[in-house]
Amino acid sequence: MGGVGVNTLFDEEQLRRLIANLKILTGVPANILDPEGRDINLFRGHPPFCRAINDLPEGHERCIACDQCKIRHYTAERGFQFYRCHVGICEAVMPLYDRKNPLAYLAVGCYLDDSPMEEQWEHTRALLDWWPGGPDSLKEAFFQFRQYSQQEVQAYAETLEALSAYIQLKGMILATEQTDAQKLALYLDEHYMEKLSLASISRHLHIGRTKLCAIAKELSGGETLSYLIARRRIDAAKRLLLQSNMPISAVAESVGISDYNYFSKVFRSMTGTTPSTFRKKVRGQ
């Protein structure tokens, strides 16, 4: 998935035009995800159901987490891997390679298969217990999804697999070397839940400690490396508080802070509120 040392450049104009044309021809939305599974925001025409989910902060966070999870668990030997997203909608993802490393991922989705719509709705309904006002308020939007047969989906997938070679040929996605600042940011993204120190990060990134402190100051707007690590952990904690019902002590542990009181102190210093108040306020409880 890219790894330290690789930076991905996207020709957004060409890719946006290509994705818009695919939507016109097939009716199926497509999009590009970066090597970590983050949407590079080329596509805006989501169906009403997906638009409603993404317009709610909690729903948007769940969609982001779902995208990143499917990248981490891509196991197909080649081509598309099909699955249902966190609210039961059909999607698929395929890596776009530079030699043998994925530079990005082509994602398609926002459709239903040709099994009975009511059965698919009941599956989705059971996944929406967190939706404000209850899941039935989304039923009308759900029934606006288009259905595709397995044959239609397979034909579309094979066409896109061929298209991936065209994307590579035209240089729409390219790999370049990462800057030291990008290496540090990516390293923290991937290791914030572990025990970190100036010495260990310096050793793993092969960057001197003095230079590492200067880079951290640049990335954090004048703060220290410790602050940068803490900020990354609190960002992750906010997502967990939003998306899950994990006890706050378990949230703290999962982002690399084993001391509950220290976690609460850091969380409050960075957000202005306690973890429990943050969870209640954002969820509207």
Protein backbone atom coordinates (compact mmCIF):
# COMPACT_ATOMS: atom_id res chain seq x y z
CA MET A 1 0.00 0.00 0.00
CA GLY A 2 2.52 2.57 -1.09
CA GLY A 3 4.66 2.41 2.08
CA VAL A 4 7.22 4.90 3.31
CA GLY A 5 9.15 6.43 0.41
CA VAL A 6 6.41 6.56 -2.24
CA ASN A 7 4.23 9.54 -3.06
CA THR A 8 1.27 9.35 -5.44
CA LEU A 9 0.44 12.09 -7.94
CA PHE A 10 -2.98 12.16 -9.61
CA ASP A 11 -3.91 13.86 -12.88
CA GLU A 12 -7.23 14.93 -11.41
CA GLU A 13 -8.59 16.60 -14.55
CA GLN A 14 -8.17 13.50 -16.72
CA LEU A 15 -9.40 11.15 -13.99
CA ARG A 16 -12.45 13.30 -13.23
CA ARG A 17 -13.43 13.35 -16.90
CA LEU A 18 -12.95 9.59 -17.19
CA ILE A 19 -15.07 8.88 -14.11
CA ALA A 20 -17.83 11.25 -15.29
CA ASN A 21 -17.93 9.45 -18.65
CA LEU A 22 -18.16 6.06 -16.93
CA LYS A 23 -21.16 7.27 -14.92
CA ILE A 24 -22.88 8.52 -18.10
CA LEU A 25 -22.30 5.24 -19.93
CA THR A 26 -23.06 2.76 -17.14
CA GLY A 27 -24.94 4.53 -14.36
CA VAL A 28 -22.50 3.06 -11.84
CA PRO A 29 -20.41 5.58 -9.87
CA ALA A 30 -16.65 5.03 -9.82
CA ASN A 31 -13.96 6.76 -7.80
CA ILE A 32 -10.26 6.74 -7.02
CA LEU A 33 -8.87 6.05 -3.54
CA ASP A 34 -5.28 6.81 -2.56
CA PRO A 35 -2.97 4.01 -1.29
CA GLU A 36 -4.34 4.37 2.26
CA GLY A 37 -7.96 4.17 1.10
CA ARG A 38 -8.76 7.90 1.27
CA ASP A 39 -11.15 9.30 -1.32
CA ILE A 40 -9.39 11.89 -3.52
CA ASN A 41 -12.80 13.54 -4.08
CA LEU A 42 -13.21 13.27 -7.84
CA PHE A 43 -16.86 12.23 -7.78
CA ARG A 44 -19.86 14.16 -6.46
CA GLY A 45 -22.93 12.49 -7.98
CA HIS A 46 -23.75 9.93 -5.28
CA PRO A 47 -27.29 8.47 -5.12
CA PRO A 48 -29.64 10.10 -2.56
CA PHE A 49 -29.10 7.34 0.04
CA CYS A 50 -25.30 7.61 -0.02
CA ARG A 51 -25.50 11.40 -0.08
CA ALA A 52 -27.66 11.37 3.07
CA ILE A 53 -25.24 9.03 4.86
CA ASN A 54 -22.23 11.20 3.94
CA ASP A 55 -23.95 14.46 4.89
CA LEU A 56 -24.12 13.27 8.51
CA PRO A 57 -20.71 13.55 10.24
CA GLU A 58 -21.02 10.11 11.85
CA GLY A 59 -22.07 8.57 8.53
CA HIS A 60 -19.17 10.23 6.71
CA GLU A 61 -16.70 8.91 9.28
CA ARG A 62 -18.16 5.40 8.90
CA CYS A 63 -17.79 5.61 5.11
CA ILE A 64 -14.16 6.68 5.43
CA ALA A 65 -13.43 3.83 7.85
CA CYS A 66 -15.17 1.38 5.50
CA ASP A 67 -13.06 2.51 2.52
CA GLN A 68 -9.85 2.18 4.49
CA CYS A 69 -10.86 -1.25 5.81
CA LYS A 70 -11.55 -2.65 2.34
CA ILE A 71 -8.10 -1.51 1.17
CA ARG A 72 -6.40 -3.18 4.13
CA HIS A 73 -8.31 -6.41 3.49
CA TYR A 74 -7.96 -6.61 -0.27
CA THR A 75 -7.23 -10.30 -0.87
CA ALA A 76 -8.16 -10.93 -4.51
CA GLU A 77 -5.38 -12.30 -6.70
CA ARG A 78 -6.19 -9.73 -9.36
CA GLY A 79 -8.99 -7.45 -10.51
CA PHE A 80 -11.99 -6.42 -8.44
CA GLN A 81 -12.93 -7.65 -5.00
CA PHE A 82 -16.69 -7.38 -4.39
CA TYR A 83 -18.32 -6.76 -1.02
CA ARG A 84 -21.10 -4.85 0.71
CA CYS A 85 -20.24 -1.65 2.55
CA HIS A 86 -21.00 -0.78 6.19
CA VAL A 87 -24.65 -0.14 5.31
CA GLY A 88 -25.04 -3.12 2.98
CA ILE A 89 -24.65 -1.44 -0.43
CA CYS A 90 -22.79 -3.32 -3.19
CA GLU A 91 -19.29 -2.06 -3.96
CA ALA A 92 -16.01 -3.30 -5.44
CA VAL A 93 -12.38 -2.22 -5.35
CA MET A 94 -9.33 -2.93 -7.49
CA PRO A 95 -5.70 -1.81 -7.10
CA LEU A 96 -3.99 0.23 -9.81
CA TYR A 97 -0.38 -0.90 -9.87
CA ASP A 98 2.97 0.69 -10.56
CA ARG A 99 4.91 -2.47 -11.38
CA LYS A 100 3.98 -4.54 -8.32
CA ASN A 101 2.96 -1.88 -5.77
CA PRO A 102 -0.57 -0.41 -5.58
CA LEU A 103 -0.43 3.32 -6.39
CA ALA A 104 -4.15 3.82 -5.90
CA TYR A 105 -7.43 1.93 -5.93
CA LEU A 106 -10.32 2.11 -8.38
CA ALA A 107 -13.57 1.83 -6.45
CA VAL A 108 -17.05 1.30 -7.89
CA GLY A 109 -20.30 0.98 -6.07
CA CYS A 110 -23.57 2.51 -4.90
CA TYR A 111 -25.68 -0.20 -6.53
CA LEU A 112 -27.68 -3.30 -5.53
CA ASP A 113 -27.64 -6.80 -6.95
CA ASP A 114 -30.73 -8.44 -8.48
CA SER A 115 -31.90 -10.23 -5.35
CA PRO A 116 -35.27 -9.00 -3.96
CA MET A 117 -35.08 -5.35 -2.92
CA GLU A 118 -37.07 -5.93 0.28
CA GLU A 119 -34.53 -8.55 1.42
CA GLN A 120 -31.65 -6.17 0.71
CA TRP A 121 -33.44 -3.39 2.55
CA GLU A 122 -33.96 -5.57 5.65
CA HIS A 123 -30.22 -6.34 5.64
CA THR A 124 -29.39 -2.62 5.40
CA ARG A 125 -32.05 -1.64 7.93
CA ALA A 126 -30.39 -3.85 10.55
CA LEU A 127 -27.11 -1.98 10.01
CA LEU A 128 -28.65 1.46 10.58
CA ASP A 129 -29.45 1.31 14.29
CA TRP A 130 -27.21 4.37 14.74
CA TRP A 131 -29.14 6.54 12.25
CA PRO A 132 -30.89 9.54 13.91
CA GLY A 133 -34.66 9.16 13.80
CA GLY A 134 -34.47 5.49 12.83
CA PRO A 135 -33.54 3.70 9.59
CA ASP A 136 -37.02 3.82 8.03
CA SER A 137 -36.47 7.49 7.19
CA LEU A 138 -33.91 6.28 4.59
CA LYS A 139 -36.12 3.60 3.02
CA GLU A 140 -37.38 5.77 0.16
CA ALA A 141 -33.84 6.79 -0.78
CA PHE A 142 -32.70 3.14 -0.57
CA PHE A 143 -35.31 2.05 -3.11
CA GLN A 144 -33.90 4.56 -5.63
CA PHE A 145 -30.74 2.45 -6.03
CA ARG A 146 -30.33 0.76 -9.40
CA GLN A 147 -30.12 -3.02 -9.49
CA TYR A 148 -27.68 -4.90 -11.70
CA SER A 149 -27.47 -8.57 -12.57
CA GLN A 150 -24.30 -10.52 -11.88
CA GLN A 151 -23.67 -10.65 -15.62
CA GLU A 152 -23.93 -6.85 -15.94
CA VAL A 153 -21.61 -6.28 -12.98
CA GLN A 154 -19.07 -8.76 -14.32
CA ALA A 155 -19.09 -7.10 -17.75
CA TYR A 156 -18.55 -3.69 -16.15
CA ALA A 157 -15.74 -5.01 -13.95
CA GLU A 158 -13.90 -6.58 -16.89
CA THR A 159 -14.22 -3.33 -18.85
CA LEU A 160 -12.75 -1.37 -15.94
CA GLU A 161 -9.91 -3.86 -15.54
CA ALA A 162 -8.97 -3.19 -19.16
CA LEU A 163 -9.36 0.54 -18.53
CA SER A 164 -6.82 0.39 -15.70
CA ALA A 165 -4.11 -0.29 -18.28
CA TYR A 166 -5.19 2.88 -20.12
CA ILE A 167 -4.96 4.90 -16.88
CA GLN A 168 -1.41 3.64 -16.42
CA LEU A 169 -0.48 4.20 -20.07
CA LYS A 170 -1.65 7.81 -19.97
CA GLY A 171 0.25 8.48 -16.74
CA MET A 172 -2.87 9.58 -14.86
CA ILE A 173 -1.40 8.19 -11.63
CA LEU A 174 2.35 8.41 -10.98
CA ALA A 175 4.72 7.54 -8.15
CA THR A 176 7.34 9.98 -6.88
CA GLU A 177 9.63 10.00 -3.85
CA GLN A 178 8.08 11.28 -0.64
CA THR A 179 9.53 14.20 1.26
CA ASP A 180 10.76 13.58 4.81
CA ALA A 181 7.69 15.43 6.11
CA GLN A 182 5.40 13.09 4.15
CA LYS A 183 7.33 10.08 5.46
CA LEU A 184 6.83 11.23 9.04
CA ALA A 185 3.12 11.95 8.54
CA LEU A 186 2.56 8.54 6.95
CA TYR A 187 4.58 6.78 9.64
CA LEU A 188 2.44 8.35 12.37
CA ASP A 189 -0.72 7.41 10.47
CA GLU A 190 0.37 3.77 10.44
CA HIS A 191 2.00 3.49 13.89
CA TYR A 192 0.29 6.01 16.20
CA MET A 193 -1.20 3.17 18.28
CA GLU A 194 2.25 1.80 19.12
CA LYS A 195 4.79 2.96 21.71
CA LEU A 196 6.64 5.81 19.98
CA SER A 197 9.66 7.90 20.84
CA LEU A 198 11.99 10.31 19.09
CA ALA A 199 14.67 7.60 19.05
CA SER A 200 12.44 4.86 17.60
CA ILE A 201 10.98 7.07 14.87
CA SER A 202 14.43 8.39 13.96
CA ARG A 203 15.69 4.81 13.66
CA HIS A 204 12.79 3.59 11.51
CA LEU A 205 12.77 6.56 9.13
CA HIS A 206 16.56 6.96 8.98
CA ILE A 207 16.21 10.66 9.79
CA GLY A 208 18.42 12.35 12.39
CA ARG A 209 16.75 13.42 15.64
CA THR A 210 17.46 17.14 15.20
CA LYS A 211 16.02 17.10 11.69
CA LEU A 212 13.03 15.04 12.87
CA CYS A 213 12.23 17.64 15.54
CA ALA A 214 12.41 20.38 12.90
CA ILE A 215 10.05 18.43 10.60
CA ALA A 216 7.60 17.86 13.47
CA LYS A 217 7.66 21.60 14.21
CA GLU A 218 6.88 22.30 10.55
CA LEU A 219 4.01 19.79 10.41
CA SER A 220 2.44 20.87 13.71
CA GLY A 221 2.67 24.61 13.27
CA GLY A 222 5.45 25.16 15.77
CA GLU A 223 4.79 22.32 18.20
CA THR A 224 6.89 19.30 19.22
CA LEU A 225 7.01 15.73 17.96
CA SER A 226 5.22 14.62 21.15
CA TYR A 227 2.41 17.04 20.34
CA LEU A 228 2.19 15.73 16.77
CA ILE A 229 1.91 12.14 18.01
CA ALA A 230 -0.72 13.11 20.57
CA ARG A 231 -2.75 14.99 17.96
CA ARG A 232 -2.74 11.95 15.67
CA ARG A 233 -3.89 9.72 18.54
CA ILE A 234 -6.68 12.10 19.55
CA ASP A 235 -7.89 12.29 15.93
CA ALA A 236 -8.14 8.49 15.92
CA ALA A 237 -9.83 8.50 19.32
CA LYS A 238 -12.47 10.96 18.08
CA ARG A 239 -13.35 8.58 15.24
CA LEU A 240 -13.64 5.62 17.61
CA LEU A 241 -15.80 7.59 20.05
CA LEU A 242 -18.02 8.51 17.12
CA GLN A 243 -18.23 5.13 15.40
CA SER A 244 -18.26 2.65 18.27
CA ASN A 245 -19.64 2.01 21.73
CA MET A 246 -16.23 1.02 23.09
CA PRO A 247 -15.59 2.10 26.70
CA ILE A 248 -13.46 5.22 26.82
CA SER A 249 -10.66 3.30 28.54
CA ALA A 250 -10.62 0.85 25.59
CA VAL A 251 -10.54 3.76 23.12
CA ALA A 252 -7.53 5.19 24.96
CA GLU A 253 -5.76 1.83 24.88
CA SER A 254 -6.43 1.32 21.17
CA VAL A 255 -4.83 4.65 20.21
CA GLY A 256 -1.69 3.98 22.22
CA ILE A 257 -2.44 5.70 25.56
CA SER A 258 -2.78 3.15 28.35
CA ASP A 259 -3.34 5.66 31.18
CA TYR A 260 -7.04 6.65 31.19
CA ASN A 261 -6.51 9.84 33.22
CA TYR A 262 -3.66 10.98 30.99
CA PHE A 263 -5.79 10.24 27.91
CA SER A 264 -8.64 12.37 29.26
CA LYS A 265 -6.24 15.19 30.07
CA VAL A 266 -4.69 15.17 26.56
CA PHE A 267 -8.10 14.83 24.89
CA ARG A 268 -9.44 17.83 26.78
CA SER A 269 -6.37 19.95 26.04
CA MET A 270 -6.78 19.33 22.31
CA THR A 271 -10.56 19.46 21.97
CA GLY A 272 -11.71 21.61 24.85
CA THR A 273 -13.98 18.86 26.17
CA THR A 274 -13.83 15.44 27.80
CA PRO A 275 -14.12 12.22 25.75
CA SER A 276 -17.54 11.37 27.22
CA THR A 277 -18.93 14.87 26.57
CA PHE A 278 -17.53 14.78 23.02
CA ARG A 279 -19.29 11.45 22.33
CA LYS A 280 -22.63 12.66 23.72
CA LYS A 281 -22.48 16.01 21.94
CA VAL A 282 -21.59 14.65 18.50
CA ARG A 283 -24.13 11.84 18.69
CA GLY A 284 -26.80 14.26 19.91
CA GLN A 285 -27.50 12.17 22.99
